[in-house]
Amino acid sequence: MPPSSGNLFEHIPTSLPDELFQTLAESGAVRIERIVSDGHASPPGEWYDQTWDEWVLLVSGGATLLFENNAALVILLPGDYVMIPAGYRHRVERTDPTQKTVWLAVHFK
């Protein structure tokens, strides 16, 4: 397979009625994904409960995460990252409504 390249900020739609999830690369048990949010949040009462580990980097914009059984909100600014272990329930409380929030997520077992 030949090398591939791109730019994390290319081809971001102007209008995003839903969050945009795009796989950039994957091999074996590892998947690298770009997520673009535009004021999106997890639906009320819904939690992510993944069977894989996820390392996520906030590249641009801003976001607030909430982890189950932890009252403190985690505020993410560009450059901040968080490691979310498999089975650790979490939700996105908010993303910046004034600009696109771009995440880089690495999923692995």
N, C-alpha and C. Protein backbone atom coordinates (compact mmCIF):
# COMPACT_ATOMS: atom_id res chain seq x y z
N MET A 1 0.85 -1.17 0.00
CA MET A 1 0.00 0.00 0.00
C MET A 1 0.90 1.24 0.00
N PRO A 2 0.64 2.19 -0.90
CA PRO A 2 1.47 3.40 -0.96
C PRO A 2 1.15 4.34 0.20
N PRO A 3 2.07 5.25 0.51
CA PRO A 3 1.81 6.23 1.57
C PRO A 3 0.60 7.09 1.21
N SER A 4 -0.09 7.60 2.22
CA SER A 4 -1.20 8.52 1.99
C SER A 4 -1.00 9.74 2.88
N SER A 5 -1.56 10.84 2.45
CA SER A 5 -1.44 12.07 3.24
C SER A 5 -2.69 12.91 3.06
N GLY A 6 -2.81 13.93 3.85
CA GLY A 6 -3.94 14.83 3.78
C GLY A 6 -3.75 15.95 4.77
N ASN A 7 -4.80 16.71 4.99
CA ASN A 7 -4.78 17.81 5.93
C ASN A 7 -6.02 17.71 6.81
N LEU A 8 -5.82 17.74 8.11
CA LEU A 8 -6.90 17.58 9.06
C LEU A 8 -8.01 18.63 8.90
N PHE A 9 -7.67 19.78 8.35
CA PHE A 9 -8.63 20.87 8.23
C PHE A 9 -9.27 20.98 6.84
N GLU A 10 -8.93 20.08 5.93
CA GLU A 10 -9.52 20.10 4.60
C GLU A 10 -10.87 19.41 4.58
N HIS A 11 -11.70 19.84 3.66
CA HIS A 11 -12.99 19.20 3.37
C HIS A 11 -13.92 19.14 4.59
N ILE A 12 -13.93 20.23 5.35
CA ILE A 12 -14.88 20.34 6.46
C ILE A 12 -16.10 21.08 5.92
N PRO A 13 -17.26 20.44 5.93
CA PRO A 13 -18.47 21.10 5.42
C PRO A 13 -18.79 22.37 6.20
N THR A 14 -19.36 23.33 5.51
CA THR A 14 -19.77 24.58 6.15
C THR A 14 -20.89 24.32 7.15
N SER A 15 -21.85 23.50 6.74
CA SER A 15 -22.99 23.17 7.58
C SER A 15 -22.85 21.74 8.08
N LEU A 16 -23.01 21.55 9.38
CA LEU A 16 -22.91 20.22 9.98
C LEU A 16 -24.14 19.95 10.85
N PRO A 17 -25.21 19.41 10.28
CA PRO A 17 -26.38 19.10 11.11
C PRO A 17 -26.06 18.02 12.14
N ASP A 18 -25.12 17.13 11.83
CA ASP A 18 -24.66 16.09 12.75
C ASP A 18 -23.15 16.14 12.82
N GLU A 19 -22.59 15.60 13.90
CA GLU A 19 -21.14 15.50 13.98
C GLU A 19 -20.62 14.68 12.81
N LEU A 20 -19.41 15.00 12.38
CA LEU A 20 -18.79 14.31 11.26
C LEU A 20 -17.70 13.39 11.80
N PHE A 21 -17.80 12.10 11.50
CA PHE A 21 -16.82 11.10 11.91
C PHE A 21 -16.18 10.54 10.65
N GLN A 22 -14.85 10.62 10.55
CA GLN A 22 -14.14 10.11 9.37
C GLN A 22 -12.93 9.31 9.81
N THR A 23 -12.84 8.07 9.33
CA THR A 23 -11.66 7.26 9.59
C THR A 23 -10.55 7.72 8.66
N LEU A 24 -9.42 8.09 9.25
CA LEU A 24 -8.26 8.55 8.47
C LEU A 24 -7.31 7.42 8.16
N ALA A 25 -7.20 6.47 9.09
CA ALA A 25 -6.32 5.32 8.90
C ALA A 25 -6.73 4.23 9.88
N GLU A 26 -6.49 2.99 9.49
CA GLU A 26 -6.72 1.88 10.42
C GLU A 26 -5.85 0.71 10.02
N SER A 27 -5.45 -0.02 11.04
CA SER A 27 -4.64 -1.22 10.83
C SER A 27 -4.77 -2.09 12.07
N GLY A 28 -5.15 -3.33 11.86
CA GLY A 28 -5.32 -4.23 13.00
C GLY A 28 -6.33 -3.69 13.99
N ALA A 29 -5.91 -3.54 15.23
CA ALA A 29 -6.80 -3.10 16.30
C ALA A 29 -6.73 -1.59 16.53
N VAL A 30 -6.16 -0.83 15.59
CA VAL A 30 -6.02 0.61 15.75
C VAL A 30 -6.78 1.34 14.65
N ARG A 31 -7.55 2.35 15.05
CA ARG A 31 -8.26 3.20 14.10
C ARG A 31 -8.04 4.65 14.49
N ILE A 32 -7.66 5.48 13.52
CA ILE A 32 -7.46 6.91 13.75
C ILE A 32 -8.60 7.64 13.04
N GLU A 33 -9.24 8.54 13.78
CA GLU A 33 -10.47 9.16 13.30
C GLU A 33 -10.42 10.67 13.49
N ARG A 34 -10.97 11.39 12.52
CA ARG A 34 -11.20 12.82 12.67
C ARG A 34 -12.67 12.99 13.02
N ILE A 35 -12.94 13.78 14.04
CA ILE A 35 -14.30 14.12 14.43
C ILE A 35 -14.43 15.64 14.34
N VAL A 36 -15.49 16.11 13.70
CA VAL A 36 -15.74 17.54 13.62
C VAL A 36 -17.11 17.82 14.24
N SER A 37 -17.11 18.72 15.22
CA SER A 37 -18.33 19.11 15.92
C SER A 37 -18.58 20.59 15.67
N ASP A 38 -19.83 20.97 15.72
CA ASP A 38 -20.19 22.37 15.51
C ASP A 38 -21.32 22.71 16.48
N GLY A 39 -20.96 22.82 17.76
CA GLY A 39 -21.97 23.08 18.78
C GLY A 39 -22.71 21.82 19.21
N HIS A 40 -22.23 20.65 18.79
CA HIS A 40 -22.90 19.39 19.12
C HIS A 40 -22.59 18.95 20.55
N ALA A 41 -23.45 18.12 21.08
CA ALA A 41 -23.28 17.51 22.40
C ALA A 41 -23.96 16.15 22.38
N SER A 42 -23.63 15.32 23.34
CA SER A 42 -24.32 14.03 23.47
C SER A 42 -25.78 14.29 23.80
N PRO A 43 -26.69 13.49 23.26
CA PRO A 43 -28.11 13.67 23.60
C PRO A 43 -28.31 13.51 25.12
N PRO A 44 -29.27 14.22 25.69
CA PRO A 44 -29.52 14.14 27.13
C PRO A 44 -29.70 12.69 27.59
N GLY A 45 -29.00 12.34 28.65
CA GLY A 45 -29.12 11.01 29.23
C GLY A 45 -28.33 9.92 28.53
N GLU A 46 -27.70 10.22 27.40
CA GLU A 46 -26.93 9.20 26.68
C GLU A 46 -25.45 9.28 27.04
N TRP A 47 -24.83 8.10 27.14
CA TRP A 47 -23.42 7.98 27.50
C TRP A 47 -22.72 7.12 26.47
N TYR A 48 -21.47 7.47 26.17
CA TYR A 48 -20.61 6.57 25.39
C TYR A 48 -20.10 5.51 26.35
N ASP A 49 -20.15 4.26 25.96
CA ASP A 49 -19.65 3.14 26.77
C ASP A 49 -18.97 2.18 25.80
N GLN A 50 -17.74 2.48 25.49
CA GLN A 50 -17.01 1.80 24.43
C GLN A 50 -16.28 0.55 24.93
N THR A 51 -16.11 -0.41 24.05
CA THR A 51 -15.37 -1.63 24.38
C THR A 51 -13.90 -1.51 24.01
N TRP A 52 -13.47 -0.34 23.60
CA TRP A 52 -12.08 -0.09 23.22
C TRP A 52 -11.58 1.16 23.94
N ASP A 53 -10.25 1.27 24.07
CA ASP A 53 -9.63 2.47 24.61
C ASP A 53 -9.67 3.56 23.56
N GLU A 54 -9.75 4.82 24.01
CA GLU A 54 -9.74 5.95 23.08
C GLU A 54 -8.86 7.05 23.65
N TRP A 55 -7.90 7.46 22.84
CA TRP A 55 -7.08 8.63 23.15
C TRP A 55 -7.56 9.72 22.22
N VAL A 56 -7.93 10.88 22.76
CA VAL A 56 -8.48 11.94 21.93
C VAL A 56 -7.75 13.25 22.19
N LEU A 57 -7.43 13.96 21.10
CA LEU A 57 -6.75 15.25 21.14
C LEU A 57 -7.69 16.30 20.57
N LEU A 58 -7.89 17.39 21.29
CA LEU A 58 -8.68 18.49 20.77
C LEU A 58 -7.74 19.39 19.97
N VAL A 59 -7.98 19.47 18.67
CA VAL A 59 -7.09 20.21 17.77
C VAL A 59 -7.51 21.67 17.65
N SER A 60 -8.81 21.92 17.53
CA SER A 60 -9.31 23.29 17.44
C SER A 60 -10.70 23.37 18.05
N GLY A 61 -11.12 24.58 18.39
CA GLY A 61 -12.42 24.75 19.01
C GLY A 61 -12.33 24.56 20.51
N GLY A 62 -13.37 24.01 21.08
CA GLY A 62 -13.42 23.77 22.52
C GLY A 62 -14.49 22.75 22.83
N ALA A 63 -14.33 22.06 23.94
CA ALA A 63 -15.30 21.03 24.32
C ALA A 63 -15.28 20.82 25.83
N THR A 64 -16.37 20.28 26.32
CA THR A 64 -16.48 19.91 27.73
C THR A 64 -16.98 18.47 27.80
N LEU A 65 -16.25 17.64 28.55
CA LEU A 65 -16.61 16.24 28.74
C LEU A 65 -17.07 16.01 30.17
N LEU A 66 -17.92 15.02 30.34
CA LEU A 66 -18.34 14.58 31.67
C LEU A 66 -18.14 13.08 31.74
N PHE A 67 -17.51 12.63 32.82
CA PHE A 67 -17.30 11.21 33.05
C PHE A 67 -18.23 10.76 34.15
N GLU A 68 -18.85 9.59 33.95
CA GLU A 68 -19.80 9.07 34.94
C GLU A 68 -19.11 8.93 36.29
N ASN A 69 -19.84 9.20 37.36
CA ASN A 69 -19.34 9.11 38.73
C ASN A 69 -18.23 10.12 39.01
N ASN A 70 -18.19 11.21 38.23
CA ASN A 70 -17.23 12.27 38.46
C ASN A 70 -17.96 13.58 38.21
N ALA A 71 -18.20 14.35 39.25
CA ALA A 71 -18.98 15.57 39.12
C ALA A 71 -18.23 16.68 38.39
N ALA A 72 -16.90 16.59 38.35
CA ALA A 72 -16.10 17.65 37.73
C ALA A 72 -16.13 17.54 36.21
N LEU A 73 -16.45 18.63 35.55
CA LEU A 73 -16.41 18.67 34.10
C LEU A 73 -14.95 18.77 33.65
N VAL A 74 -14.65 18.19 32.50
CA VAL A 74 -13.31 18.27 31.92
C VAL A 74 -13.41 19.21 30.73
N ILE A 75 -12.78 20.38 30.86
CA ILE A 75 -12.81 21.39 29.81
C ILE A 75 -11.57 21.20 28.94
N LEU A 76 -11.80 21.04 27.63
CA LEU A 76 -10.70 20.83 26.70
C LEU A 76 -10.53 22.05 25.80
N LEU A 77 -9.30 22.48 25.67
CA LEU A 77 -8.91 23.56 24.77
C LEU A 77 -7.93 22.99 23.75
N PRO A 78 -7.68 23.69 22.66
CA PRO A 78 -6.75 23.16 21.65
C PRO A 78 -5.42 22.71 22.27
N GLY A 79 -5.02 21.51 21.92
CA GLY A 79 -3.80 20.92 22.44
C GLY A 79 -4.03 19.98 23.61
N ASP A 80 -5.19 20.04 24.24
CA ASP A 80 -5.50 19.16 25.37
C ASP A 80 -5.88 17.78 24.84
N TYR A 81 -5.48 16.76 25.58
CA TYR A 81 -5.86 15.39 25.22
C TYR A 81 -6.32 14.65 26.46
N VAL A 82 -7.03 13.56 26.23
CA VAL A 82 -7.52 12.73 27.32
C VAL A 82 -7.50 11.27 26.86
N MET A 83 -7.12 10.40 27.78
CA MET A 83 -7.13 8.96 27.54
C MET A 83 -8.36 8.39 28.23
N ILE A 84 -9.24 7.76 27.44
CA ILE A 84 -10.49 7.22 27.98
C ILE A 84 -10.42 5.70 27.91
N PRO A 85 -10.28 5.03 29.04
CA PRO A 85 -10.20 3.56 29.03
C PRO A 85 -11.51 2.92 28.59
N ALA A 86 -11.41 1.76 28.01
CA ALA A 86 -12.60 0.99 27.62
C ALA A 86 -13.54 0.85 28.81
N GLY A 87 -14.82 0.99 28.56
CA GLY A 87 -15.82 0.82 29.60
C GLY A 87 -15.99 2.01 30.53
N TYR A 88 -15.26 3.10 30.30
CA TYR A 88 -15.37 4.28 31.15
C TYR A 88 -16.42 5.21 30.53
N ARG A 89 -17.60 5.20 31.10
CA ARG A 89 -18.73 5.94 30.51
C ARG A 89 -18.48 7.45 30.56
N HIS A 90 -18.76 8.08 29.41
CA HIS A 90 -18.54 9.52 29.28
C HIS A 90 -19.50 10.10 28.27
N ARG A 91 -19.57 11.43 28.29
CA ARG A 91 -20.43 12.13 27.34
C ARG A 91 -19.82 13.48 27.01
N VAL A 92 -20.20 14.01 25.87
CA VAL A 92 -19.79 15.34 25.46
C VAL A 92 -20.89 16.30 25.92
N GLU A 93 -20.58 17.15 26.87
CA GLU A 93 -21.57 18.10 27.39
C GLU A 93 -21.77 19.27 26.45
N ARG A 94 -20.69 19.68 25.76
CA ARG A 94 -20.82 20.80 24.83
C ARG A 94 -19.59 20.85 23.93
N THR A 95 -19.78 21.44 22.76
CA THR A 95 -18.66 21.84 21.91
C THR A 95 -18.90 23.28 21.50
N ASP A 96 -17.87 23.95 21.10
CA ASP A 96 -17.92 25.37 20.77
C ASP A 96 -18.97 25.65 19.69
N PRO A 97 -19.94 26.49 19.97
CA PRO A 97 -20.97 26.80 18.97
C PRO A 97 -20.53 27.89 17.98
N THR A 98 -19.39 28.54 18.22
CA THR A 98 -18.96 29.67 17.39
C THR A 98 -17.91 29.28 16.35
N GLN A 99 -17.37 28.08 16.46
CA GLN A 99 -16.38 27.61 15.49
C GLN A 99 -16.37 26.09 15.48
N LYS A 100 -15.83 25.51 14.43
CA LYS A 100 -15.75 24.05 14.34
C LYS A 100 -14.77 23.54 15.40
N THR A 101 -15.15 22.45 16.05
CA THR A 101 -14.27 21.76 16.97
C THR A 101 -13.76 20.52 16.25
N VAL A 102 -12.45 20.43 16.11
CA VAL A 102 -11.83 19.30 15.42
C VAL A 102 -11.10 18.46 16.45
N TRP A 103 -11.42 17.16 16.45
CA TRP A 103 -10.80 16.19 17.35
C TRP A 103 -10.00 15.19 16.51
N LEU A 104 -8.94 14.66 17.08
CA LEU A 104 -8.22 13.53 16.51
C LEU A 104 -8.32 12.41 17.54
N ALA A 105 -8.96 11.32 17.15
CA ALA A 105 -9.20 10.21 18.08
C ALA A 105 -8.44 8.98 17.61
N VAL A 106 -7.80 8.30 18.55
CA VAL A 106 -7.12 7.04 18.27
C VAL A 106 -7.82 5.97 19.10
N HIS A 107 -8.42 5.01 18.42
CA HIS A 107 -9.15 3.91 19.08
C HIS A 107 -8.28 2.66 18.99
N PHE A 108 -8.17 1.94 20.12
CA PHE A 108 -7.37 0.72 20.12
C PHE A 108 -7.83 -0.21 21.23
N LYS A 109 -7.48 -1.48 21.08
CA LYS A 109 -7.86 -2.49 22.08
C LYS A 109 -6.72 -2.69 23.05
